[in-house]
Amino acid sequence: MSSGKQPIQSSRVRLLISCADRLGIVAAVTGWLAGRGANILDLAQHSTPANAGGRFFMRVEFDTLGGAGVGEGLEVDFDPIGAEMDMAWRFSDATRPKRSAILVSRPEHCLLDLLWRRRRGELHTELALVASNHPDHEADVLAFGVPYHYVPFGPDGKEAAEAELLALLAGRVDVVVLARYMQILSRAFLERLGVPVINIHHSFLPAFAGANPYRRAHERGVKVIGATAHYVVEELDAGPIIEQDVARVTHADDPGELERLGADVERSVLARAVRWHLEDRVLLDGERTVVFA
């Protein structure tokens, strides 16, 4: 029998924390959540050794059973705890899909894999657009219901192309994914864009950074090839690593076979990195990452 009361509305929220390690952090956070009547759904934490800086990282996902979400008092209420423990912290609304965009050049395997995973619901994101320096993928992208923009990089047109990309992206997305985008983005572009950029590099970094890694791997006679998803910084292929994986190869595999095998690794590595970022599972630790996968 109905009691006549309105059903309780639940808002799912994530809290991300990094700070110097010390006693009482978990107790303070979980006690604060209990005091608000929140139901903890998932909690992960990690501490680095004291001789490595003694840093603490936490990701906690919870329901605010009274319906209070991000921007409805959580930040104000939590601020005293954050200040007392000198935390870097933020709340994230787990119900709101992050806005994303994909940049791609001619290789299509990572692009199509991300589009397919998004359609299947594996990637919780609002995909604003796909942009490319080639017109090749327009029909495929439009078939997924996503806008496509051709933004060529001419020999003397890098500045103009980046300005056009900024006009499409700045203020409209929370993350940009480079799905085999074969252009080097300038420091000025990254600063003006102001959101994380995730790249897939077709090598197990730091080995074979830069161009033609499969050819160079073949020349060195490697026995495994790999792929690396990382955040983009100004220095080429040097940003914090999110995810990596490898596949075994043999002396009989030519560079074309290495590239074919590597494409499968690239797809899965990039998809995992993007999903973890969208779910707030990646915390930065200087030039490293803590990934609560």
Protein backbone atom coordinates (compact mmCIF):
# COMPACT_ATOMS: atom_id res chain seq x y z
CA MET A 1 0.00 0.00 0.00
CA SER A 2 1.29 3.46 -0.87
CA SER A 3 2.16 5.76 2.03
CA GLY A 4 1.32 8.81 -0.09
CA LYS A 5 4.90 10.10 0.10
CA GLN A 6 6.83 11.16 -2.98
CA PRO A 7 9.48 8.59 -4.02
CA ILE A 8 13.01 9.41 -2.88
CA GLN A 9 15.10 10.78 -5.71
CA SER A 10 18.73 9.71 -5.89
CA SER A 11 21.64 11.60 -7.45
CA ARG A 12 24.86 9.73 -8.19
CA VAL A 13 28.00 11.75 -7.50
CA ARG A 14 31.76 11.07 -7.55
CA LEU A 15 34.34 12.64 -5.27
CA LEU A 16 37.99 12.66 -6.39
CA ILE A 17 40.71 13.44 -3.85
CA SER A 18 44.49 13.76 -3.85
CA CYS A 19 46.61 15.03 -0.99
CA ALA A 20 49.53 14.26 1.26
CA ASP A 21 48.94 10.97 3.05
CA ARG A 22 48.02 11.19 6.73
CA LEU A 23 45.90 9.45 9.33
CA GLY A 24 42.15 9.91 9.31
CA ILE A 25 41.44 10.79 5.67
CA VAL A 26 39.15 7.84 4.93
CA ALA A 27 37.36 8.24 8.25
CA ALA A 28 36.81 11.96 7.63
CA VAL A 29 35.42 11.43 4.13
CA THR A 30 33.19 8.45 4.92
CA GLY A 31 31.99 10.09 8.12
CA TRP A 32 31.05 13.22 6.19
CA LEU A 33 29.14 11.12 3.66
CA ALA A 34 27.33 9.22 6.41
CA GLY A 35 26.38 12.51 8.04
CA ARG A 36 24.73 13.58 4.80
CA GLY A 37 22.83 10.31 4.51
CA ALA A 38 24.80 9.30 1.42
CA ASN A 39 25.06 5.69 0.31
CA ILE A 40 28.58 4.74 -0.82
CA LEU A 41 28.45 2.67 -4.01
CA ASP A 42 32.16 2.34 -4.78
CA LEU A 43 35.32 3.42 -2.98
CA ALA A 44 38.92 3.02 -4.13
CA GLN A 45 42.05 4.45 -2.57
CA HIS A 46 45.81 4.35 -3.02
CA SER A 47 48.77 5.62 -1.02
CA THR A 48 52.30 5.99 -2.34
CA PRO A 49 55.18 5.01 -0.03
CA ALA A 50 56.42 7.66 2.37
CA ASN A 51 59.85 7.59 0.72
CA ALA A 52 58.14 8.37 -2.62
CA GLY A 53 56.32 11.43 -1.35
CA GLY A 54 53.53 9.81 0.64
CA ARG A 55 50.60 10.86 -1.55
CA PHE A 56 46.98 9.71 -1.04
CA PHE A 57 44.38 9.25 -3.78
CA MET A 58 40.69 8.40 -3.48
CA ARG A 59 37.72 7.94 -5.77
CA VAL A 60 34.35 7.46 -4.09
CA GLU A 61 31.01 7.17 -5.88
CA PHE A 62 27.83 7.60 -3.88
CA ASP A 63 24.11 8.33 -3.98
CA THR A 64 22.86 11.39 -2.18
CA LEU A 65 19.59 9.87 -1.10
CA GLY A 66 17.90 13.21 -0.59
CA GLY A 67 18.59 14.10 -4.20
CA ALA A 68 21.27 16.73 -3.53
CA GLY A 69 23.76 16.72 -6.36
CA VAL A 70 26.79 18.65 -7.52
CA GLY A 71 26.25 22.35 -7.06
CA GLU A 72 23.54 21.82 -4.43
CA GLY A 73 25.58 22.32 -1.29
CA LEU A 74 28.06 19.46 -1.52
CA GLU A 75 31.01 21.70 -2.36
CA VAL A 76 30.27 24.19 0.39
CA ASP A 77 29.73 21.45 2.99
CA PHE A 78 32.90 19.55 2.06
CA ASP A 79 35.20 22.56 1.82
CA PRO A 80 36.17 22.61 5.54
CA ILE A 81 37.38 18.99 5.34
CA GLY A 82 39.26 19.69 2.13
CA ALA A 83 40.89 22.77 3.65
CA GLU A 84 41.81 21.04 6.92
CA MET A 85 43.57 18.20 5.10
CA ASP A 86 44.97 20.37 2.29
CA MET A 87 43.23 18.28 -0.36
CA ALA A 88 42.92 18.80 -4.06
CA TRP A 89 39.35 17.62 -4.57
CA ARG A 90 36.40 17.88 -6.90
CA PHE A 91 32.91 16.50 -7.27
CA SER A 92 31.63 15.09 -10.55
CA ASP A 93 28.02 14.42 -11.52
CA ALA A 94 28.05 10.75 -12.50
CA THR A 95 24.64 11.04 -14.19
CA ARG A 96 25.78 13.69 -16.67
CA PRO A 97 27.68 12.34 -19.67
CA LYS A 98 30.90 14.22 -20.33
CA ARG A 99 30.98 16.10 -23.63
CA SER A 100 33.64 14.79 -25.99
CA ALA A 101 35.05 15.24 -29.48
CA ILE A 102 37.23 13.01 -31.63
CA LEU A 103 40.04 14.16 -33.92
CA VAL A 104 41.22 11.67 -36.53
CA SER A 105 43.35 11.48 -39.68
CA ARG A 106 43.19 8.71 -42.28
CA PRO A 107 43.50 5.58 -40.06
CA GLU A 108 39.92 4.75 -39.13
CA HIS A 109 40.08 1.75 -36.81
CA CYS A 110 40.11 3.64 -33.51
CA LEU A 111 37.48 6.13 -34.67
CA LEU A 112 35.00 3.46 -35.75
CA ASP A 113 35.61 1.43 -32.60
CA LEU A 114 34.81 4.44 -30.38
CA LEU A 115 31.69 5.26 -32.38
CA TRP A 116 30.50 1.66 -32.10
CA ARG A 117 31.19 1.47 -28.36
CA ARG A 118 29.36 4.73 -27.78
CA ARG A 119 26.32 3.45 -29.71
CA ARG A 120 26.36 0.27 -27.60
CA GLY A 121 26.38 2.36 -24.43
CA GLU A 122 29.89 1.37 -23.35
CA LEU A 123 31.08 5.00 -23.35
CA HIS A 124 28.96 7.39 -21.30
CA THR A 125 29.55 10.51 -23.36
CA GLU A 126 27.80 13.16 -25.40
CA LEU A 127 29.85 13.11 -28.60
CA ALA A 128 29.72 16.65 -29.98
CA LEU A 129 31.61 16.10 -33.22
CA VAL A 130 34.34 14.37 -35.16
CA ALA A 131 36.90 16.54 -36.95
CA SER A 132 39.56 15.39 -39.39
CA ASN A 133 42.26 16.79 -41.61
CA HIS A 134 40.92 14.46 -44.32
CA PRO A 135 37.38 14.20 -45.75
CA ASP A 136 37.47 10.39 -45.86
CA HIS A 137 35.26 9.42 -42.89
CA GLU A 138 32.30 11.75 -43.30
CA ALA A 139 29.79 9.12 -44.46
CA ASP A 140 30.75 6.67 -41.71
CA VAL A 141 30.55 9.29 -38.97
CA LEU A 142 27.24 10.74 -40.16
CA ALA A 143 25.82 7.21 -40.16
CA PHE A 144 26.32 7.23 -36.38
CA GLY A 145 24.44 10.53 -36.12
CA VAL A 146 27.53 12.58 -35.25
CA PRO A 147 28.51 15.86 -37.00
CA TYR A 148 31.67 15.70 -39.14
CA HIS A 149 34.03 18.60 -39.83
CA TYR A 150 36.83 18.60 -42.40
CA VAL A 151 39.62 20.88 -41.15
CA PRO A 152 42.67 20.51 -43.43
CA PHE A 153 46.21 21.29 -42.29
CA GLY A 154 47.91 22.88 -45.30
CA PRO A 155 51.69 23.26 -45.51
CA ASP A 156 51.43 26.82 -44.21
CA GLY A 157 48.03 26.57 -42.55
CA LYS A 158 48.63 25.06 -39.09
CA GLU A 159 47.69 28.26 -37.26
CA ALA A 160 44.51 28.71 -39.29
CA ALA A 161 43.53 25.04 -38.86
CA GLU A 162 44.04 25.17 -35.10
CA ALA A 163 41.98 28.35 -34.92
CA GLU A 164 39.15 26.58 -36.77
CA LEU A 165 39.37 23.60 -34.43
CA LEU A 166 39.27 25.89 -31.40
CA ALA A 167 36.15 27.55 -32.76
CA LEU A 168 34.53 24.10 -32.95
CA LEU A 169 35.77 22.79 -29.59
CA ALA A 170 36.54 25.50 -27.05
CA GLY A 171 33.86 25.70 -24.37
CA ARG A 172 31.85 22.88 -25.95
CA VAL A 173 33.64 19.75 -24.74
CA ASP A 174 35.10 18.27 -21.56
CA VAL A 175 37.65 16.01 -23.27
CA VAL A 176 39.16 15.57 -26.75
CA VAL A 177 40.26 12.16 -28.06
CA LEU A 178 42.95 11.82 -30.71
CA ALA A 179 41.99 8.59 -32.48
CA ARG A 180 45.14 8.35 -34.63
CA TYR A 181 45.24 12.08 -35.37
CA MET A 182 48.52 12.53 -37.20
CA GLN A 183 49.09 16.18 -36.37
CA ILE A 184 51.15 17.72 -33.58
CA LEU A 185 49.04 20.19 -31.62
CA SER A 186 50.76 23.36 -30.49
CA ARG A 187 51.20 24.49 -26.90
CA ALA A 188 49.02 27.52 -27.62
CA PHE A 189 46.23 25.27 -28.91
CA LEU A 190 46.35 23.01 -25.85
CA GLU A 191 46.32 25.99 -23.48
CA ARG A 192 43.40 27.69 -25.22
CA LEU A 193 41.45 24.44 -25.47
CA GLY A 194 41.72 24.01 -21.71
CA VAL A 195 40.47 20.42 -21.40
CA PRO A 196 42.26 17.05 -21.22
CA VAL A 197 43.34 15.53 -24.55
CA ILE A 198 43.83 11.75 -24.80
CA ASN A 199 46.07 10.32 -27.52
CA ILE A 200 46.69 6.77 -28.73
CA HIS A 201 50.28 6.13 -29.76
CA HIS A 202 51.02 3.01 -31.76
CA SER A 203 53.98 2.02 -29.61
CA PHE A 204 54.67 0.86 -26.08
CA LEU A 205 56.02 4.20 -24.90
CA PRO A 206 58.63 5.35 -24.11
CA ALA A 207 59.98 3.05 -26.84
CA PHE A 208 59.60 4.26 -30.43
CA ALA A 209 58.07 7.65 -29.76
CA GLY A 210 57.28 9.76 -32.82
CA ALA A 211 56.64 8.59 -36.37
CA ASN A 212 56.81 5.12 -37.97
CA PRO A 213 57.04 3.04 -34.77
CA TYR A 214 56.06 -0.24 -36.46
CA ARG A 215 58.81 0.09 -39.06
CA ARG A 216 61.36 0.96 -36.39
CA ALA A 217 60.13 -1.89 -34.18
CA HIS A 218 60.58 -4.30 -37.09
CA GLU A 219 64.10 -3.01 -37.68
CA ARG A 220 64.95 -3.70 -34.03
CA GLY A 221 63.48 -7.21 -34.17
CA VAL A 222 61.13 -6.75 -31.23
CA LYS A 223 59.15 -9.71 -29.91
CA VAL A 224 56.21 -7.68 -28.60
CA ILE A 225 54.52 -4.61 -30.01
CA GLY A 226 52.24 -2.39 -28.04
CA ALA A 227 50.10 0.72 -27.83
CA THR A 228 49.92 3.52 -25.28
CA ALA A 229 47.06 5.85 -24.40
CA HIS A 230 48.25 8.99 -22.67
CA TYR A 231 47.31 12.56 -21.93
CA VAL A 232 48.74 15.07 -24.37
CA VAL A 233 51.35 17.61 -23.30
CA GLU A 234 53.50 19.93 -25.36
CA GLU A 235 56.38 17.43 -25.55
CA LEU A 236 55.64 14.79 -28.20
CA ASP A 237 54.33 11.47 -26.80
CA ALA A 238 55.48 12.38 -23.28
CA GLY A 239 52.24 12.93 -21.34
CA PRO A 240 51.06 10.85 -18.37
CA ILE A 241 50.27 7.28 -19.41
CA ILE A 242 46.72 6.00 -18.82
CA GLU A 243 46.80 2.51 -20.33
CA GLN A 244 49.09 0.19 -22.30
CA ASP A 245 48.94 -3.30 -23.78
CA VAL A 246 51.03 -5.56 -26.01
CA ALA A 247 50.79 -8.37 -28.57
CA ARG A 248 53.45 -10.96 -29.30
CA VAL A 249 55.10 -10.99 -32.73
CA THR A 250 57.83 -13.04 -34.40
CA HIS A 251 60.71 -12.61 -36.82
CA ALA A 252 58.34 -13.68 -39.62
CA ASP A 253 56.05 -10.67 -39.22
CA ASP A 254 56.79 -7.83 -41.63
CA PRO A 255 55.95 -4.18 -40.81
CA GLY A 256 52.52 -4.54 -42.44
CA GLU A 257 51.65 -7.50 -40.20
CA LEU A 258 52.92 -5.62 -37.15
CA GLU A 259 50.63 -2.74 -38.07
CA ARG A 260 47.64 -5.07 -38.52
CA LEU A 261 48.23 -6.75 -35.17
CA GLY A 262 48.90 -3.41 -33.53
CA ALA A 263 45.62 -1.94 -34.73
CA ASP A 264 43.71 -4.37 -32.50
CA VAL A 265 45.80 -3.36 -29.50
CA GLU A 266 45.34 0.35 -30.28
CA ARG A 267 41.54 0.02 -30.38
CA SER A 268 41.23 -1.72 -27.03
CA VAL A 269 43.81 0.44 -25.24
CA LEU A 270 42.23 3.71 -26.38
CA ALA A 271 38.71 2.52 -25.55
CA ARG A 272 39.72 1.57 -22.01
CA ALA A 273 41.53 4.86 -21.45
CA VAL A 274 38.58 6.91 -22.71
CA ARG A 275 36.09 4.95 -20.62
CA TRP A 276 38.18 5.31 -17.48
CA HIS A 277 38.52 9.05 -18.05
CA LEU A 278 34.79 9.45 -18.63
CA GLU A 279 34.13 7.57 -15.38
CA ASP A 280 36.61 9.74 -13.40
CA ARG A 281 38.87 6.77 -12.73
CA VAL A 282 42.13 8.53 -13.64
CA LEU A 283 43.90 10.83 -11.17
CA LEU A 284 47.13 12.62 -11.99
CA ASP A 285 50.20 12.08 -9.84
CA GLY A 286 52.76 14.45 -11.35
CA GLU A 287 53.94 12.82 -14.59
CA ARG A 288 52.20 9.56 -13.62
CA THR A 289 48.59 8.49 -13.23
CA VAL A 290 46.64 6.56 -10.61
CA VAL A 291 43.96 4.54 -12.41
CA PHE A 292 41.12 3.02 -10.37
CA ALA A 293 40.06 0.61 -13.12
